[in-house]
């Protein structure tokens, strides 16, 4: 089965996994996580109702109860898992992937992520080797209404940002369930209707072609900020008042104004292995200790919890918060960004100016290569550049090799069939030189 990955279970439905697989996942999950009840939410993809049905049948056949919160965002599932004390939860979603994909994001006690190294490997083995034997006492299916309480929680991050014009693209995904109750009715919205076929664009804000509508909306409405959510609303990305996409890692630095300055919560801040050096240079004077770690919630949230970090983020637009059970929330991130921007806007500062102050390095952005011989390409890059006296080598999640005035990260995607390269340098000329040099090596393996 090709659906089990480092962070979650995900793939093309009825190709990488099917309803019989889902039934077995549901059946074995309660015993694996020592849970007598499982919280379940789902996104609006066309395959989600069938997956929900078979997942619930598996769970209840095992003797455990299902608490159904219906159509929801992934962060709502995380919050409810911890708030109501569930020892297991599942969000049925494929997040930012195209419509033919679906999957399951599994969490344990206190919304701790369950990844391949922390439970999914055992689940995969059970599915392959064991035959479900339904319990004589079936579990129950229970409806759980928690929207009001969740909105009450989110309201603690709300502030007056009426001095801002805002444009919002919900990508026809799950942000539409709550967005107007969280951000209000004054922003200019597009694609807030739930539609699992994603008729306007794929729900992945990291792909340039998916940003054209939010950029156009920002220009037409003369907005101070554009906000775009992914399919399950755990990720959020931003566009400045000029219509320029803001690299999500730079927003980690901006969040420091709230946590480190306004709240005075000095301490660890997580970034992933692809994050710009600009982030560290911006946050350290505020009192942050920046911790570089692996990509993905299964790693980032667990590490933030382990070191009791204040907050953190990833290049892909996930932002993690100690006050949100060390999990990621697009709405919490959006509300904090709006609070910071509103305050700075009142001082005459625009979003592009704030980001320009943060961004002190030239960055290639993530460059994707589709090739079979990924390991050979990575090993050649490691051998070549390790011999050039780097200042630092990080050897988890691929490699990040740093020099005094430039660095690069090379890693295999955990959710897509790509080798991902990111290069950063002190100036554009140096950046272009190193990008071309490394690309030439990688392309030799295609």
Protein backbone atom coordinates (compact mmCIF):
# COMPACT_ATOMS: atom_id res chain seq x y z
CA UNK A 1 0.00 0.00 0.00
CA UNK A 2 1.54 3.30 -1.09
CA UNK A 3 -0.52 5.59 1.13
CA UNK A 4 1.55 5.48 4.33
CA UNK A 5 3.96 8.40 4.61
CA UNK A 6 6.09 10.13 7.21
CA UNK A 7 3.34 12.51 8.38
CA UNK A 8 0.06 10.83 7.49
CA UNK A 9 -1.82 8.39 5.30
CA UNK A 10 -2.41 9.93 1.90
CA UNK A 11 -2.69 9.06 -1.78
CA UNK A 12 -4.96 8.73 -4.79
CA UNK A 13 -8.15 7.13 -3.52
CA UNK A 14 -8.92 3.72 -5.04
CA UNK A 15 -5.35 3.50 -6.32
CA UNK A 16 -3.03 3.92 -3.34
CA UNK A 17 -5.70 2.82 -0.86
CA UNK A 18 -9.40 1.89 -0.88
CA UNK A 19 -12.42 1.48 1.37
CA UNK A 20 -11.35 -1.99 2.56
CA UNK A 21 -8.02 -0.50 3.69
CA UNK A 22 -9.87 2.31 5.44
CA UNK A 23 -12.09 -0.18 7.26
CA UNK A 24 -9.00 -1.96 8.61
CA UNK A 25 -7.42 1.37 9.60
CA UNK A 26 -10.52 2.17 11.61
CA UNK A 27 -10.63 -1.28 13.16
CA UNK A 28 -7.03 -1.40 14.39
CA UNK A 29 -6.57 2.27 15.29
CA UNK A 30 -8.39 2.27 18.69
CA UNK A 31 -6.30 -0.60 20.10
CA UNK A 32 -3.10 0.90 18.70
CA UNK A 33 -3.75 4.23 20.44
CA UNK A 34 -5.45 2.65 23.49
CA UNK A 35 -8.63 4.61 22.84
CA UNK A 36 -12.24 3.62 23.48
CA UNK A 37 -13.48 6.60 21.43
CA UNK A 38 -12.18 8.26 18.27
CA UNK A 39 -12.94 11.82 17.17
CA UNK A 40 -13.49 12.04 13.40
CA UNK A 41 -13.76 15.04 11.09
CA UNK A 42 -13.65 15.28 7.31
CA UNK A 43 -13.13 17.65 4.42
CA UNK A 44 -15.40 18.20 1.45
CA UNK A 45 -13.65 15.98 -1.12
CA UNK A 46 -15.97 13.75 -3.12
CA UNK A 47 -14.44 10.59 -1.66
CA UNK A 48 -14.66 11.77 1.96
CA UNK A 49 -18.20 10.44 2.69
CA UNK A 50 -17.26 6.90 1.63
CA UNK A 51 -14.00 7.02 3.57
CA UNK A 52 -15.90 8.32 6.61
CA UNK A 53 -18.44 5.51 6.35
CA UNK A 54 -15.86 2.72 6.18
CA UNK A 55 -13.60 4.30 8.80
CA UNK A 56 -16.51 4.56 11.22
CA UNK A 57 -17.61 0.98 10.52
CA UNK A 58 -14.09 -0.21 11.33
CA UNK A 59 -13.93 1.81 14.54
CA UNK A 60 -17.35 0.74 15.79
CA UNK A 61 -16.72 -2.91 14.80
CA UNK A 62 -13.67 -2.78 17.09
CA UNK A 63 -15.97 -1.80 19.97
CA UNK A 64 -14.91 1.87 20.14
CA UNK A 65 -17.23 4.85 19.72
CA UNK A 66 -16.99 7.46 16.96
CA UNK A 67 -17.55 11.12 17.84
CA UNK A 68 -18.39 12.80 14.54
CA UNK A 69 -17.80 16.55 14.12
CA UNK A 70 -18.73 16.51 10.43
CA UNK A 71 -17.27 18.85 7.83
CA UNK A 72 -14.47 20.71 9.53
CA UNK A 73 -10.97 22.15 9.30
CA UNK A 74 -7.99 20.07 10.37
CA UNK A 75 -7.05 22.49 13.20
CA UNK A 76 -10.58 22.14 14.62
CA UNK A 77 -9.91 18.41 14.97
CA UNK A 78 -6.60 19.09 16.72
CA UNK A 79 -8.22 21.54 19.12
CA UNK A 80 -11.18 19.28 19.91
CA UNK A 81 -8.89 16.27 20.42
CA UNK A 82 -7.06 18.05 23.24
CA UNK A 83 -9.98 20.11 24.57
CA UNK A 84 -12.33 17.14 25.01
CA UNK A 85 -9.63 14.69 26.08
CA UNK A 86 -9.76 12.22 23.19
CA UNK A 87 -6.92 9.73 22.99
CA UNK A 88 -7.35 9.34 19.23
CA UNK A 89 -8.64 11.42 16.35
CA UNK A 90 -8.70 11.27 12.57
CA UNK A 91 -9.14 14.05 10.03
CA UNK A 92 -10.12 12.74 6.61
CA UNK A 93 -8.32 15.01 4.15
CA UNK A 94 -5.59 15.21 1.54
CA UNK A 95 -4.85 18.80 2.54
CA UNK A 96 -3.41 20.67 -0.47
CA UNK A 97 -3.35 17.75 -2.93
CA UNK A 98 -5.54 17.59 -6.08
CA UNK A 99 -9.15 16.39 -5.94
CA UNK A 100 -8.43 12.72 -6.69
CA UNK A 101 -6.36 12.42 -3.51
CA UNK A 102 -7.56 11.79 0.02
CA UNK A 103 -6.11 10.57 3.28
CA UNK A 104 -6.13 10.46 7.07
CA UNK A 105 -4.30 12.66 9.55
CA UNK A 106 -4.06 10.81 12.84
CA UNK A 107 -3.52 12.35 16.28
CA UNK A 108 -3.22 10.82 19.74
CA UNK A 109 -3.62 12.06 23.30
CA UNK A 110 -3.32 15.88 23.61
CA UNK A 111 -3.42 16.13 19.79
CA UNK A 112 0.11 14.71 19.52
CA UNK A 113 0.73 13.82 15.84
CA UNK A 114 0.95 10.15 14.92
CA UNK A 115 3.51 9.76 12.14
CA UNK A 116 5.13 6.76 10.52
CA UNK A 117 7.76 6.57 13.26
CA UNK A 118 5.22 6.94 16.07
CA UNK A 119 2.39 4.57 15.15
CA UNK A 120 1.53 4.55 11.44
CA UNK A 121 4.18 1.92 10.70
CA UNK A 122 2.54 -0.40 13.25
CA UNK A 123 -0.89 0.36 11.79
CA UNK A 124 0.35 -0.49 8.29
CA UNK A 125 1.75 -3.79 9.59
CA UNK A 126 -1.53 -4.67 11.32
CA UNK A 127 -3.47 -4.01 8.11
CA UNK A 128 -1.12 -6.26 6.14
CA UNK A 129 -0.92 -9.14 8.59
CA UNK A 130 -4.10 -9.25 10.72
CA UNK A 131 -7.73 -10.00 9.91
CA UNK A 132 -10.33 -7.88 11.74
CA UNK A 133 -12.61 -9.85 14.09
CA UNK A 134 -15.56 -7.61 14.92
CA UNK A 135 -16.41 -7.19 18.58
CA UNK A 136 -19.69 -8.59 19.88
CA UNK A 137 -20.36 -5.19 21.42
CA UNK A 138 -20.32 -2.57 18.70
CA UNK A 139 -19.36 1.03 19.33
CA UNK A 140 -21.76 3.95 18.84
CA UNK A 141 -21.75 6.85 16.37
CA UNK A 142 -22.17 10.10 18.32
CA UNK A 143 -22.59 13.59 16.88
CA UNK A 144 -20.41 16.23 18.55
CA UNK A 145 -21.17 19.93 18.15
CA UNK A 146 -18.15 22.03 19.09
CA UNK A 147 -18.17 24.98 16.69
CA UNK A 148 -19.40 27.51 19.24
CA UNK A 149 -16.69 26.58 21.75
CA UNK A 150 -14.01 26.61 19.07
CA UNK A 151 -15.03 30.07 17.88
CA UNK A 152 -14.91 31.24 21.48
CA UNK A 153 -11.31 30.00 21.67
CA UNK A 154 -10.35 31.73 18.40
CA UNK A 155 -11.91 34.97 19.66
CA UNK A 156 -9.05 35.26 22.17
CA UNK A 157 -6.77 36.08 19.21
CA UNK A 158 -9.13 38.54 17.56
CA UNK A 159 -8.39 42.26 17.50
CA UNK A 160 -9.59 45.40 15.75
CA UNK A 161 -8.08 45.40 12.25
CA UNK A 162 -10.76 47.64 10.74
CA UNK A 163 -8.04 49.98 9.43
CA UNK A 164 -7.02 47.26 6.94
CA UNK A 165 -8.47 46.19 3.61
CA UNK A 166 -8.21 42.42 3.32
CA UNK A 167 -8.61 39.99 0.41
CA UNK A 168 -9.21 36.30 1.15
CA UNK A 169 -9.09 33.19 -1.07
CA UNK A 170 -10.53 30.09 0.63
CA UNK A 171 -9.59 27.78 -2.28
CA UNK A 172 -13.09 26.18 -2.06
CA UNK A 173 -11.71 24.31 0.93
CA UNK A 174 -12.55 23.97 4.58
CA UNK A 175 -11.68 27.54 5.59
CA UNK A 176 -15.12 28.40 4.24
CA UNK A 177 -16.74 26.61 7.20
CA UNK A 178 -15.61 29.37 9.60
CA UNK A 179 -13.90 32.17 7.76
CA UNK A 180 -16.58 34.87 7.95
CA UNK A 181 -17.19 34.17 11.62
CA UNK A 182 -13.46 34.48 12.30
CA UNK A 183 -12.38 37.31 9.99
CA UNK A 184 -15.74 39.06 9.68
CA UNK A 185 -17.80 40.08 6.68
CA UNK A 186 -15.79 43.13 5.59
CA UNK A 187 -12.91 41.33 3.82
CA UNK A 188 -13.25 40.68 0.09
CA UNK A 189 -13.78 36.92 -0.31
CA UNK A 190 -13.42 34.54 -3.23
CA UNK A 191 -14.02 30.78 -3.46
CA UNK A 192 -15.45 30.48 0.05
CA UNK A 193 -18.06 27.92 -1.10
CA UNK A 194 -17.15 24.34 -0.15
CA UNK A 195 -16.46 22.32 -3.31
CA UNK A 196 -14.30 19.20 -3.19
CA UNK A 197 -13.69 19.30 -6.93
CA UNK A 198 -11.76 22.57 -6.43
CA UNK A 199 -13.14 24.13 -9.62
CA UNK A 200 -11.15 27.37 -9.47
CA UNK A 201 -7.67 26.16 -8.62
CA UNK A 202 -5.97 23.36 -6.72
CA UNK A 203 -5.92 24.07 -2.96
CA UNK A 204 -2.12 24.41 -2.83
CA UNK A 205 -1.00 28.03 -2.30
CA UNK A 206 2.67 27.12 -2.84
CA UNK A 207 2.05 26.66 -6.59
CA UNK A 208 2.38 29.99 -8.39
CA UNK A 209 -0.53 29.39 -10.79
CA UNK A 210 -2.92 28.98 -7.83
CA UNK A 211 -2.15 32.51 -6.63
CA UNK A 212 -3.32 34.46 -9.66
CA UNK A 213 -6.85 35.01 -8.31
CA UNK A 214 -5.80 36.30 -4.88
CA UNK A 215 -3.19 38.57 -6.50
CA UNK A 216 -5.85 39.92 -8.86
CA UNK A 217 -8.27 40.46 -5.96
CA UNK A 218 -5.64 42.35 -3.95
CA UNK A 219 -5.02 44.65 -6.93
CA UNK A 220 -8.72 45.21 -7.73
CA UNK A 221 -9.69 45.97 -4.13
CA UNK A 222 -6.48 47.85 -3.26
CA UNK A 223 -6.13 45.57 -0.25
CA UNK A 224 -3.38 45.88 2.34
CA UNK A 225 -3.04 42.10 2.58
CA UNK A 226 -4.09 38.98 0.70
CA UNK A 227 -4.73 35.72 2.58
CA UNK A 228 -4.99 32.30 0.91
CA UNK A 229 -5.83 29.05 2.69
CA UNK A 230 -5.10 25.50 1.59
CA UNK A 231 -7.68 22.71 1.31
CA UNK A 232 -8.05 21.78 4.98
CA UNK A 233 -7.15 25.20 6.46
CA UNK A 234 -4.12 24.11 8.42
CA UNK A 235 -1.87 26.18 6.13
CA UNK A 236 -2.09 29.85 5.22
CA UNK A 237 -0.03 32.10 2.98
CA UNK A 238 0.03 35.81 2.36
CA UNK A 239 0.30 38.32 -0.48
CA UNK A 240 1.41 41.89 0.17
CA UNK A 241 -0.35 45.07 -1.01
CA UNK A 242 1.65 45.00 -4.26
CA UNK A 243 0.38 41.51 -5.08
CA UNK A 244 3.72 39.87 -4.29
CA UNK A 245 3.71 36.44 -2.66
CA UNK A 246 5.43 36.43 0.74
CA UNK A 247 7.67 33.41 1.36
CA UNK A 248 5.96 31.65 4.30
CA UNK A 249 9.15 31.21 6.31
CA UNK A 250 9.54 35.00 6.53
CA UNK A 251 6.18 35.13 8.33
CA UNK A 252 7.78 33.18 11.20
CA UNK A 253 9.89 36.28 11.76
CA UNK A 254 6.85 38.56 11.64
CA UNK A 255 5.04 36.47 14.28
CA UNK A 256 7.89 37.31 16.65
CA UNK A 257 6.44 40.81 17.10
CA UNK A 258 3.43 39.29 18.86
CA UNK A 259 4.96 36.47 20.91
CA UNK A 260 8.42 37.84 21.69
CA UNK A 261 7.75 41.58 21.83
CA UNK A 262 4.11 42.13 22.77
CA UNK A 263 3.70 39.07 25.03
CA UNK A 264 7.34 38.84 26.11
CA UNK A 265 7.46 35.06 25.65
CA UNK A 266 11.18 34.60 25.06
CA UNK A 267 12.40 31.12 24.22
CA UNK A 268 12.63 28.56 21.43
CA UNK A 269 11.16 29.20 17.98
CA UNK A 270 11.03 26.31 15.49
CA UNK A 271 11.83 26.66 11.81
CA UNK A 272 12.29 23.90 9.25
CA UNK A 273 15.44 22.93 7.40
CA UNK A 274 14.46 25.09 4.39
CA UNK A 275 13.98 28.33 6.31
CA UNK A 276 15.81 31.52 5.37
CA UNK A 277 18.71 32.76 7.46
CA UNK A 278 16.77 36.03 7.47
CA UNK A 279 14.41 34.47 10.03
CA UNK A 280 17.13 33.72 12.57
CA UNK A 281 18.81 37.10 12.10
CA UNK A 282 15.48 38.88 12.65
CA UNK A 283 14.28 36.89 15.65
CA UNK A 284 17.41 36.50 17.76
CA UNK A 285 17.60 40.21 18.72
CA UNK A 286 13.99 39.85 20.00
CA UNK A 287 15.06 37.13 22.43
CA UNK A 288 14.36 34.01 20.37
CA UNK A 289 16.48 30.88 20.26
CA UNK A 290 15.88 29.46 16.79
CA UNK A 291 15.72 25.67 16.47
CA UNK A 292 16.02 24.16 12.97
CA UNK A 293 14.21 20.87 12.54
CA UNK A 294 12.58 18.47 10.11
CA UNK A 295 9.69 19.25 7.76
CA UNK A 296 6.15 18.17 8.67
CA UNK A 297 3.73 18.34 11.60
CA UNK A 298 4.63 14.87 12.83
CA UNK A 299 8.12 16.24 13.52
CA UNK A 300 7.62 19.98 14.10
CA UNK A 301 4.75 19.75 16.59
CA UNK A 302 6.44 17.00 18.57
CA UNK A 303 9.74 18.89 18.70
CA UNK A 304 8.02 22.14 19.73
CA UNK A 305 6.34 20.22 22.56
CA UNK A 306 9.61 18.52 23.55
CA UNK A 307 11.53 21.80 23.87
CA UNK A 308 8.45 23.76 25.07
CA UNK A 309 8.92 26.24 22.24
CA UNK A 310 6.83 29.39 21.99
CA UNK A 311 5.86 29.03 18.34
CA UNK A 312 7.27 27.96 15.02
CA UNK A 313 6.63 27.60 11.34
CA UNK A 314 7.51 25.94 8.08
CA UNK A 315 8.35 26.97 4.55
CA UNK A 316 5.08 25.31 3.44
CA UNK A 317 2.89 27.71 5.45
CA UNK A 318 2.28 25.73 8.64
CA UNK A 319 2.51 27.75 11.87
CA UNK A 320 2.65 26.00 15.25
CA UNK A 321 1.70 27.51 18.60
CA UNK A 322 2.31 26.43 22.17
CA UNK A 323 -1.09 27.93 23.03
CA UNK A 324 -2.69 25.70 20.38
CA UNK A 325 -1.48 22.39 21.83
CA UNK A 326 1.77 22.80 19.86
CA UNK A 327 -0.26 22.27 16.68
CA UNK A 328 -0.74 24.31 13.52
CA UNK A 329 -3.63 26.63 12.79
CA UNK A 330 -4.14 28.83 9.76
CA UNK A 331 -6.76 30.95 11.53
CA UNK A 332 -4.63 31.58 14.61
CA UNK A 333 -1.73 32.58 12.37
CA UNK A 334 -3.98 34.86 10.29
CA UNK A 335 -5.46 36.62 13.30
CA UNK A 336 -2.01 37.28 14.78
CA UNK A 337 -0.64 38.57 11.48
CA UNK A 338 -3.64 40.89 11.12
CA UNK A 339 -3.09 42.20 14.66
CA UNK A 340 0.58 42.94 13.94
CA UNK A 341 -0.10 44.48 10.52
CA UNK A 342 -2.94 46.65 11.85
CA UNK A 343 -0.65 48.09 14.52
CA UNK A 344 2.16 48.74 12.03
CA UNK A 345 -0.25 50.08 9.41
CA UNK A 346 -1.36 52.69 11.95
CA UNK A 347 2.29 53.75 12.06
CA UNK A 348 2.39 54.15 8.29
CA UNK A 349 4.08 50.86 7.46
CA UNK A 350 2.94 48.64 4.60
CA UNK A 351 3.23 44.86 4.45
CA UNK A 352 5.85 44.99 1.70
CA UNK A 353 7.97 47.32 3.84
CA UNK A 354 7.74 45.02 6.86
CA UNK A 355 8.84 42.03 4.77
CA UNK A 356 11.64 44.01 3.11
CA UNK A 357 13.10 44.68 6.56
CA UNK A 358 12.98 40.96 7.38
CA UNK A 359 14.34 39.67 4.05
CA UNK A 360 18.12 40.19 4.00
CA UNK A 361 19.05 37.11 1.92
CA UNK A 362 18.31 36.24 -1.74
CA UNK A 363 16.35 33.01 -2.00
CA UNK A 364 15.63 30.66 -4.91
CA UNK A 365 12.38 29.35 -3.51
CA UNK A 366 11.81 25.61 -3.70
CA UNK A 367 12.87 24.08 -7.03
CA UNK A 368 11.36 20.66 -7.74
CA UNK A 369 12.94 17.89 -9.80
CA UNK A 370 11.05 14.77 -10.82
CA UNK A 371 13.64 12.02 -11.09
CA UNK A 372 14.10 8.39 -10.14
CA UNK A 373 17.70 8.47 -8.91
CA UNK A 374 17.11 10.85 -6.02
CA UNK A 375 19.51 9.22 -3.58
CA UNK A 376 22.38 9.25 -6.07
CA UNK A 377 21.86 12.96 -6.74
CA UNK A 378 21.72 13.77 -3.01
CA UNK A 379 24.86 11.75 -2.31
CA UNK A 380 26.86 13.48 -5.03
CA UNK A 381 25.86 16.92 -3.72
CA UNK A 382 26.74 15.89 -0.18
CA UNK A 383 30.16 14.55 -1.20
CA UNK A 384 31.03 17.54 -3.37
CA UNK A 385 30.01 20.31 -0.97
CA UNK A 386 31.06 18.61 2.27
CA UNK A 387 34.62 18.73 0.91
CA UNK A 388 34.50 22.55 0.56
CA UNK A 389 34.77 23.30 4.31
CA UNK A 390 31.16 24.28 5.08
CA UNK A 391 30.40 26.13 8.31
CA UNK A 392 27.55 23.74 9.16
CA UNK A 393 25.97 20.50 7.89
CA UNK A 394 22.49 19.44 9.00
CA UNK A 395 21.95 15.79 8.07
CA UNK A 396 18.27 15.17 8.85
CA UNK A 397 15.50 15.36 6.27
CA UNK A 398 18.02 15.39 3.47
CA UNK A 399 20.90 17.83 3.91
CA UNK A 400 21.35 21.52 4.59
CA UNK A 401 24.94 22.55 3.88
CA UNK A 402 25.91 26.07 4.95
CA UNK A 403 28.77 28.35 4.01
CA UNK A 404 29.58 31.85 5.21
CA UNK A 405 27.62 33.65 2.50
CA UNK A 406 25.36 30.97 0.98
CA UNK A 407 23.68 27.63 1.74
CA UNK A 408 21.45 25.01 0.16
CA UNK A 409 18.94 22.38 1.24
CA UNK A 410 18.28 19.19 -0.71
CA UNK A 411 15.58 16.73 0.37
CA UNK A 412 13.05 14.22 -0.92
CA UNK A 413 9.40 15.21 -0.61
CA UNK A 414 7.42 13.09 1.84
CA UNK A 415 4.10 13.72 0.10
CA UNK A 416 4.95 14.12 -3.61
CA UNK A 417 7.37 12.41 -6.07
CA UNK A 418 9.94 15.20 -6.07
CA UNK A 419 13.49 16.05 -5.09
CA UNK A 420 13.39 19.55 -3.64
CA UNK A 421 16.23 22.07 -3.81
CA UNK A 422 16.42 25.44 -2.09
CA UNK A 423 19.39 27.80 -2.33
CA UNK A 424 20.04 31.09 -0.52
CA UNK A 425 22.86 33.62 -0.82
CA UNK A 426 23.83 37.13 0.23
CA UNK A 427 23.28 38.54 -3.29
CA UNK A 428 21.48 37.65 -6.51
CA UNK A 429 24.60 37.05 -8.57
CA UNK A 430 25.94 34.51 -6.09
CA UNK A 431 22.52 32.87 -5.81
CA UNK A 432 22.16 32.40 -9.57
CA UNK A 433 25.66 30.94 -9.83
CA UNK A 434 25.08 28.31 -7.16
CA UNK A 435 21.58 27.42 -8.40
CA UNK A 436 22.89 26.72 -11.90
CA UNK A 437 25.81 24.73 -10.55
CA UNK A 438 23.62 22.46 -8.40
CA UNK A 439 20.87 22.11 -11.02
CA UNK A 440 23.44 20.82 -13.50
CA UNK A 441 24.48 18.08 -11.07
CA UNK A 442 20.88 17.04 -10.31
CA UNK A 443 19.81 17.04 -13.95
CA UNK A 444 22.60 14.55 -14.64
CA UNK A 445 20.46 11.97 -12.80
CA UNK A 446 17.25 12.48 -14.81
